[in-house]
Amino acid sequence: MENHEVSGEIVKLLKIQRHDFVNHLQVIHALLQLGRTEKALIYIEELAKDSRLISDTLKVHEEQCANAQKA
């Protein structure tokens, strides 16, 4: 995989991650506006447990590239 392809993939992954992050913020914002503080806290706690949120996007991409080169 060439550098420009890798850069494009990283940008794509970061855009997806940003989109998901904004969606989570919108959910939390709506819950707080509705006075559902406890529900917002539970939502945040569940997000903190989500391994996809915690995992390093770039590390996942590097692993995918390494696997593609082996194939």
PDB file of N, CA and C in Angstrom:
ATOM      1  N   MET A   1       0.851  -1.177   0.000  1.00  0.00           N
ATOM      2  CA  MET A   1       0.000   0.000   0.000  1.00  0.00           C
ATOM      3  C   MET A   1       0.899   1.243   0.000  1.00  0.00           C
ATOM      4  N   GLU A   2       0.610   2.189  -0.881  1.00  0.00           N
ATOM      5  CA  GLU A   2       1.424   3.388  -0.994  1.00  0.00           C
ATOM      6  C   GLU A   2       1.047   4.408   0.073  1.00  0.00           C
ATOM      7  N   ASN A   3       1.960   5.367   0.288  1.00  0.00           N
ATOM      8  CA  ASN A   3       1.753   6.372   1.340  1.00  0.00           C
ATOM      9  C   ASN A   3       0.455   7.152   1.165  1.00  0.00           C
ATOM     10  N   HIS A   4       0.141   7.555  -0.074  1.00  0.00           N
ATOM     11  CA  HIS A   4      -1.084   8.340  -0.269  1.00  0.00           C
ATOM     12  C   HIS A   4      -2.322   7.500   0.005  1.00  0.00           C
ATOM     13  N   GLU A   5      -2.245   6.200  -0.259  1.00  0.00           N
ATOM     14  CA  GLU A   5      -3.367   5.319   0.055  1.00  0.00           C
ATOM     15  C   GLU A   5      -3.532   5.163   1.559  1.00  0.00           C
ATOM     16  N   VAL A   6      -2.401   5.034   2.253  1.00  0.00           N
ATOM     17  CA  VAL A   6      -2.430   4.925   3.713  1.00  0.00           C
ATOM     18  C   VAL A   6      -2.992   6.208   4.311  1.00  0.00           C
ATOM     19  N   SER A   7      -2.523   7.348   3.816  1.00  0.00           N
ATOM     20  CA  SER A   7      -3.017   8.635   4.317  1.00  0.00           C
ATOM     21  C   SER A   7      -4.524   8.764   4.097  1.00  0.00           C
ATOM     22  N   GLY A   8      -4.972   8.345   2.925  1.00  0.00           N
ATOM     23  CA  GLY A   8      -6.407   8.403   2.626  1.00  0.00           C
ATOM     24  C   GLY A   8      -7.217   7.524   3.556  1.00  0.00           C
ATOM     25  N   GLU A   9      -6.705   6.341   3.858  1.00  0.00           N
ATOM     26  CA  GLU A   9      -7.388   5.434   4.775  1.00  0.00           C
ATOM     27  C   GLU A   9      -7.444   6.012   6.186  1.00  0.00           C
ATOM     28  N   ILE A  10      -6.359   6.619   6.623  1.00  0.00           N
ATOM     29  CA  ILE A  10      -6.320   7.221   7.959  1.00  0.00           C
ATOM     30  C   ILE A  10      -7.326   8.368   8.040  1.00  0.00           C
ATOM     31  N   VAL A  11      -7.368   9.201   7.015  1.00  0.00           N
ATOM     32  CA  VAL A  11      -8.331  10.308   6.990  1.00  0.00           C
ATOM     33  C   VAL A  11      -9.754   9.760   7.039  1.00  0.00           C
ATOM     34  N   LYS A  12     -10.006   8.709   6.272  1.00  0.00           N
ATOM     35  CA  LYS A  12     -11.342   8.090   6.268  1.00  0.00           C
ATOM     36  C   LYS A  12     -11.709   7.586   7.661  1.00  0.00           C
ATOM     37  N   LEU A  13     -10.776   6.891   8.316  1.00  0.00           N
ATOM     38  CA  LEU A  13     -11.029   6.373   9.663  1.00  0.00           C
ATOM     39  C   LEU A  13     -11.280   7.502  10.657  1.00  0.00           C
ATOM     40  N   LEU A  14     -10.510   8.567  10.553  1.00  0.00           N
ATOM     41  CA  LEU A  14     -10.686   9.695  11.468  1.00  0.00           C
ATOM     42  C   LEU A  14     -12.026  10.395  11.245  1.00  0.00           C
ATOM     43  N   LYS A  15     -12.463  10.488  10.001  1.00  0.00           N
ATOM     44  CA  LYS A  15     -13.773  11.088   9.719  1.00  0.00           C
ATOM     45  C   LYS A  15     -14.893  10.253  10.328  1.00  0.00           C
ATOM     46  N   ILE A  16     -14.778   8.941  10.205  1.00  0.00           N
ATOM     47  CA  ILE A  16     -15.776   8.040  10.796  1.00  0.00           C
ATOM     48  C   ILE A  16     -15.788   8.206  12.308  1.00  0.00           C
ATOM     49  N   GLN A  17     -14.601   8.250  12.894  1.00  0.00           N
ATOM     50  CA  GLN A  17     -14.496   8.400  14.347  1.00  0.00           C
ATOM     51  C   GLN A  17     -15.082   9.739  14.803  1.00  0.00           C
ATOM     52  N   ARG A  18     -14.802  10.802  14.055  1.00  0.00           N
ATOM     53  CA  ARG A  18     -15.342  12.130  14.399  1.00  0.00           C
ATOM     54  C   ARG A  18     -16.862  12.115  14.302  1.00  0.00           C
ATOM     55  N   HIS A  19     -17.402  11.503  13.263  1.00  0.00           N
ATOM     56  CA  HIS A  19     -18.851  11.414  13.080  1.00  0.00           C
ATOM     57  C   HIS A  19     -19.503  10.700  14.266  1.00  0.00           C
ATOM     58  N   ASP A  20     -18.925   9.571  14.660  1.00  0.00           N
ATOM     59  CA  ASP A  20     -19.456   8.822  15.802  1.00  0.00           C
ATOM     60  C   ASP A  20     -19.386   9.645  17.084  1.00  0.00           C
ATOM     61  N   PHE A  21     -18.275  10.360  17.281  1.00  0.00           N
ATOM     62  CA  PHE A  21     -18.103  11.180  18.476  1.00  0.00           C
ATOM     63  C   PHE A  21     -19.174  12.272  18.547  1.00  0.00           C
ATOM     64  N   VAL A  22     -19.410  12.934  17.415  1.00  0.00           N
ATOM     65  CA  VAL A  22     -20.426  13.993  17.373  1.00  0.00           C
ATOM     66  C   VAL A  22     -21.807  13.404  17.666  1.00  0.00           C
ATOM     67  N   ASN A  23     -22.101  12.230  17.134  1.00  0.00           N
ATOM     68  CA  ASN A  23     -23.381  11.590  17.425  1.00  0.00           C
ATOM     69  C   ASN A  23     -23.547  11.324  18.918  1.00  0.00           C
ATOM     70  N   HIS A  24     -22.495  10.830  19.554  1.00  0.00           N
ATOM     71  CA  HIS A  24     -22.563  10.583  20.999  1.00  0.00           C
ATOM     72  C   HIS A  24     -22.797  11.881  21.767  1.00  0.00           C
ATOM     73  N   LEU A  25     -22.120  12.944  21.364  1.00  0.00           N
ATOM     74  CA  LEU A  25     -22.324  14.238  22.025  1.00  0.00           C
ATOM     75  C   LEU A  25     -23.769  14.714  21.856  1.00  0.00           C
ATOM     76  N   GLN A  26     -24.345  14.506  20.695  1.00  0.00           N
ATOM     77  CA  GLN A  26     -25.731  14.919  20.451  1.00  0.00           C
ATOM     78  C   GLN A  26     -26.702  14.157  21.346  1.00  0.00           C
ATOM     79  N   VAL A  27     -26.454  12.858  21.525  1.00  0.00           N
ATOM     80  CA  VAL A  27     -27.308  12.060  22.405  1.00  0.00           C
ATOM     81  C   VAL A  27     -27.210  12.580  23.838  1.00  0.00           C
ATOM     82  N   ILE A  28     -25.990  12.806  24.307  1.00  0.00           N
ATOM     83  CA  ILE A  28     -25.777  13.299  25.671  1.00  0.00           C
ATOM     84  C   ILE A  28     -26.428  14.672  25.838  1.00  0.00           C
ATOM     85  N   HIS A  29     -26.249  15.543  24.862  1.00  0.00           N
ATOM     86  CA  HIS A  29     -26.835  16.881  24.912  1.00  0.00           C
ATOM     87  C   HIS A  29     -28.359  16.813  25.013  1.00  0.00           C
ATOM     88  N   ALA A  30     -28.967  15.965  24.183  1.00  0.00           N
ATOM     89  CA  ALA A  30     -30.424  15.826  24.198  1.00  0.00           C
ATOM     90  C   ALA A  30     -30.911  15.288  25.545  1.00  0.00           C
ATOM     91  N   LEU A  31     -30.231  14.284  26.076  1.00  0.00           N
ATOM     92  CA  LEU A  31     -30.632  13.738  27.372  1.00  0.00           C
ATOM     93  C   LEU A  31     -30.552  14.803  28.464  1.00  0.00           C
ATOM     94  N   LEU A  32     -29.504  15.596  28.448  1.00  0.00           N
ATOM     95  CA  LEU A  32     -29.365  16.654  29.457  1.00  0.00           C
ATOM     96  C   LEU A  32     -30.426  17.736  29.283  1.00  0.00           C
ATOM     97  N   GLN A  33     -30.734  18.094  28.037  1.00  0.00           N
ATOM     98  CA  GLN A  33     -31.778  19.094  27.795  1.00  0.00           C
ATOM     99  C   GLN A  33     -33.135  18.613  28.292  1.00  0.00           C
ATOM    100  N   LEU A  34     -33.365  17.315  28.211  1.00  0.00           N
ATOM    101  CA  LEU A  34     -34.629  16.747  28.666  1.00  0.00           C
ATOM    102  C   LEU A  34     -34.643  16.485  30.168  1.00  0.00           C
ATOM    103  N   GLY A  35     -33.540  16.825  30.833  1.00  0.00           N
ATOM    104  CA  GLY A  35     -33.465  16.617  32.281  1.00  0.00           C
ATOM    105  C   GLY A  35     -33.205  15.168  32.659  1.00  0.00           C
ATOM    106  N   ARG A  36     -32.745  14.373  31.730  1.00  0.00           N
ATOM    107  CA  ARG A  36     -32.490  12.947  31.971  1.00  0.00           C
ATOM    108  C   ARG A  36     -31.025  12.754  32.367  1.00  0.00           C
ATOM    109  N   THR A  37     -30.635  13.421  33.436  1.00  0.00           N
ATOM    110  CA  THR A  37     -29.241  13.413  33.879  1.00  0.00           C
ATOM    111  C   THR A  37     -28.733  12.006  34.175  1.00  0.00           C
ATOM    112  N   GLU A  38     -29.534  11.232  34.878  1.00  0.00           N
ATOM    113  CA  GLU A  38     -29.107   9.865  35.221  1.00  0.00           C
ATOM    114  C   GLU A  38     -28.896   9.037  33.963  1.00  0.00           C
ATOM    115  N   LYS A  39     -29.800   9.184  33.009  1.00  0.00           N
ATOM    116  CA  LYS A  39     -29.677   8.453  31.738  1.00  0.00           C
ATOM    117  C   LYS A  39     -28.415   8.901  30.982  1.00  0.00           C
ATOM    118  N   ALA A  40     -28.111  10.191  31.015  1.00  0.00           N
ATOM    119  CA  ALA A  40     -26.896  10.709  30.364  1.00  0.00           C
ATOM    120  C   ALA A  40     -25.645  10.121  31.017  1.00  0.00           C
ATOM    121  N   LEU A  41     -25.653  10.038  32.335  1.00  0.00           N
ATOM    122  CA  LEU A  41     -24.501   9.462  33.043  1.00  0.00           C
ATOM    123  C   LEU A  41     -24.315   7.987  32.688  1.00  0.00           C
ATOM    124  N   ILE A  42     -25.409   7.265  32.621  1.00  0.00           N
ATOM    125  CA  ILE A  42     -25.343   5.848  32.246  1.00  0.00           C
ATOM    126  C   ILE A  42     -24.809   5.713  30.818  1.00  0.00           C
ATOM    127  N   TYR A  43     -25.272   6.570  29.925  1.00  0.00           N
ATOM    128  CA  TYR A  43     -24.812   6.552  28.534  1.00  0.00           C
ATOM    129  C   TYR A  43     -23.300   6.779  28.471  1.00  0.00           C
ATOM    130  N   ILE A  44     -22.823   7.768  29.219  1.00  0.00           N
ATOM    131  CA  ILE A  44     -21.386   8.064  29.249  1.00  0.00           C
ATOM    132  C   ILE A  44     -20.607   6.890  29.817  1.00  0.00           C
ATOM    133  N   GLU A  45     -21.114   6.288  30.879  1.00  0.00           N
ATOM    134  CA  GLU A  45     -20.439   5.128  31.481  1.00  0.00           C
ATOM    135  C   GLU A  45     -20.355   3.967  30.497  1.00  0.00           C
ATOM    136  N   GLU A  46     -21.427   3.747  29.734  1.00  0.00           N
ATOM    137  CA  GLU A  46     -21.422   2.676  28.736  1.00  0.00           C
ATOM    138  C   GLU A  46     -20.423   2.976  27.619  1.00  0.00           C
ATOM    139  N   LEU A  47     -20.349   4.234  27.217  1.00  0.00           N
ATOM    140  CA  LEU A  47     -19.364   4.621  26.199  1.00  0.00           C
ATOM    141  C   LEU A  47     -17.937   4.328  26.677  1.00  0.00           C
ATOM    142  N   ALA A  48     -17.690   4.613  27.935  1.00  0.00           N
ATOM    143  CA  ALA A  48     -16.352   4.403  28.487  1.00  0.00           C
ATOM    144  C   ALA A  48     -15.957   2.928  28.470  1.00  0.00           C
ATOM    145  N   LYS A  49     -16.941   2.042  28.475  1.00  0.00           N
ATOM    146  CA  LYS A  49     -16.677   0.600  28.462  1.00  0.00           C
ATOM    147  C   LYS A  49     -16.535   0.050  27.039  1.00  0.00           C
ATOM    148  N   ASP A  50     -16.905   0.845  26.050  1.00  0.00           N
ATOM    149  CA  ASP A  50     -16.913   0.390  24.659  1.00  0.00           C
ATOM    150  C   ASP A  50     -15.486   0.254  24.131  1.00  0.00           C
ATOM    151  N   SER A  51     -15.083  -0.962  23.837  1.00  0.00           N
ATOM    152  CA  SER A  51     -13.709  -1.210  23.396  1.00  0.00           C
ATOM    153  C   SER A  51     -13.406  -0.526  22.066  1.00  0.00           C
ATOM    154  N   ARG A  52     -14.417  -0.341  21.211  1.00  0.00           N
ATOM    155  CA  ARG A  52     -14.189   0.341  19.932  1.00  0.00           C
ATOM    156  C   ARG A  52     -13.822   1.803  20.159  1.00  0.00           C
ATOM    157  N   LEU A  53     -14.374   2.386  21.196  1.00  0.00           N
ATOM    158  CA  LEU A  53     -14.087   3.784  21.506  1.00  0.00           C
ATOM    159  C   LEU A  53     -12.692   3.918  22.102  1.00  0.00           C
ATOM    160  N   ILE A  54     -12.285   2.908  22.841  1.00  0.00           N
ATOM    161  CA  ILE A  54     -11.000   2.941  23.528  1.00  0.00           C
ATOM    162  C   ILE A  54      -9.856   2.554  22.596  1.00  0.00           C
ATOM    163  N   SER A  55     -10.128   1.673  21.637  1.00  0.00           N
ATOM    164  CA  SER A  55      -9.060   1.171  20.777  1.00  0.00           C
ATOM    165  C   SER A  55      -8.448   2.298  19.952  1.00  0.00           C
ATOM    166  N   ASP A  56      -7.220   2.105  19.617  1.00  0.00           N
ATOM    167  CA  ASP A  56      -6.472   3.081  18.840  1.00  0.00           C
ATOM    168  C   ASP A  56      -6.758   2.857  17.358  1.00  0.00           C
ATOM    169  N   THR A  57      -7.410   3.803  16.733  1.00  0.00           N
ATOM    170  CA  THR A  57      -7.791   3.694  15.325  1.00  0.00           C
ATOM    171  C   THR A  57      -6.580   3.456  14.438  1.00  0.00           C
ATOM    172  N   LEU A  58      -5.511   4.165  14.710  1.00  0.00           N
ATOM    173  CA  LEU A  58      -4.323   4.010  13.882  1.00  0.00           C
ATOM    174  C   LEU A  58      -3.695   2.636  14.044  1.00  0.00           C
ATOM    175  N   LYS A  59      -3.714   2.108  15.250  1.00  0.00           N
ATOM    176  CA  LYS A  59      -3.163   0.767  15.483  1.00  0.00           C
ATOM    177  C   LYS A  59      -3.966  -0.264  14.691  1.00  0.00           C
ATOM    178  N   VAL A  60      -5.277  -0.133  14.710  1.00  0.00           N
ATOM    179  CA  VAL A  60      -6.138  -1.046  13.957  1.00  0.00           C
ATOM    180  C   VAL A  60      -5.798  -0.949  12.473  1.00  0.00           C
ATOM    181  N   HIS A  61      -5.613   0.272  11.982  1.00  0.00           N
ATOM    182  CA  HIS A  61      -5.276   0.469  10.570  1.00  0.00           C
ATOM    183  C   HIS A  61      -3.923  -0.167  10.241  1.00  0.00           C
ATOM    184  N   GLU A  62      -2.945   0.022  11.100  1.00  0.00           N
ATOM    185  CA  GLU A  62      -1.623  -0.561  10.876  1.00  0.00           C
ATOM    186  C   GLU A  62      -1.702  -2.085  10.814  1.00  0.00           C
ATOM    187  N   GLU A  63      -2.500  -2.676  11.679  1.00  0.00           N
ATOM    188  CA  GLU A  63      -2.664  -4.130  11.675  1.00  0.00           C
ATOM    189  C   GLU A  63      -3.313  -4.598  10.376  1.00  0.00           C
ATOM    190  N   GLN A  64      -4.300  -3.844   9.906  1.00  0.00           N
ATOM    191  CA  GLN A  64      -4.968  -4.190   8.653  1.00  0.00           C
ATOM    192  C   GLN A  64      -3.994  -4.112   7.481  1.00  0.00           C
ATOM    193  N   CYS A  65      -3.158  -3.084   7.478  1.00  0.00           N
ATOM    194  CA  CYS A  65      -2.162  -2.939   6.411  1.00  0.00           C
ATOM    195  C   CYS A  65      -1.156  -4.076   6.446  1.00  0.00           C
ATOM    196  N   ALA A  66      -0.706  -4.436   7.635  1.00  0.00           N
ATOM    197  CA  ALA A  66       0.260  -5.523   7.779  1.00  0.00           C
ATOM    198  C   ALA A  66      -0.349  -6.829   7.280  1.00  0.00           C
ATOM    199  N   ASN A  67      -1.605  -7.075   7.602  1.00  0.00           N
ATOM    200  CA  ASN A  67      -2.283  -8.296   7.155  1.00  0.00           C
ATOM    201  C   ASN A  67      -2.459  -8.288   5.630  1.00  0.00           C
ATOM    202  N   ALA A  68      -2.736  -7.124   5.060  1.00  0.00           N
ATOM    203  CA  ALA A  68      -2.918  -7.015   3.607  1.00  0.00           C
ATOM    204  C   ALA A  68      -1.606  -7.287   2.880  1.00  0.00           C
ATOM    205  N   GLN A  69      -0.485  -6.867   3.471  1.00  0.00           N
ATOM    206  CA  GLN A  69       0.813  -7.093   2.847  1.00  0.00           C
ATOM    207  C   GLN A  69       1.202  -8.561   2.893  1.00  0.00           C
ATOM    208  N   LYS A  70       0.757  -9.281   3.914  1.00  0.00           N
ATOM    209  CA  LYS A  70       1.060 -10.697   4.034  1.00  0.00           C
ATOM    210  C   LYS A  70       0.300 -11.529   2.999  1.00  0.00           C
ATOM    211  N   ALA A  71      -0.885 -11.006   2.617  1.00  0.00           N
ATOM    212  CA  ALA A  71      -1.742 -11.775   1.696  1.00  0.00           C
ATOM    213  C   ALA A  71      -1.250 -11.719   0.265  1.00  0.00           C
TER     214      ALA A  71
END
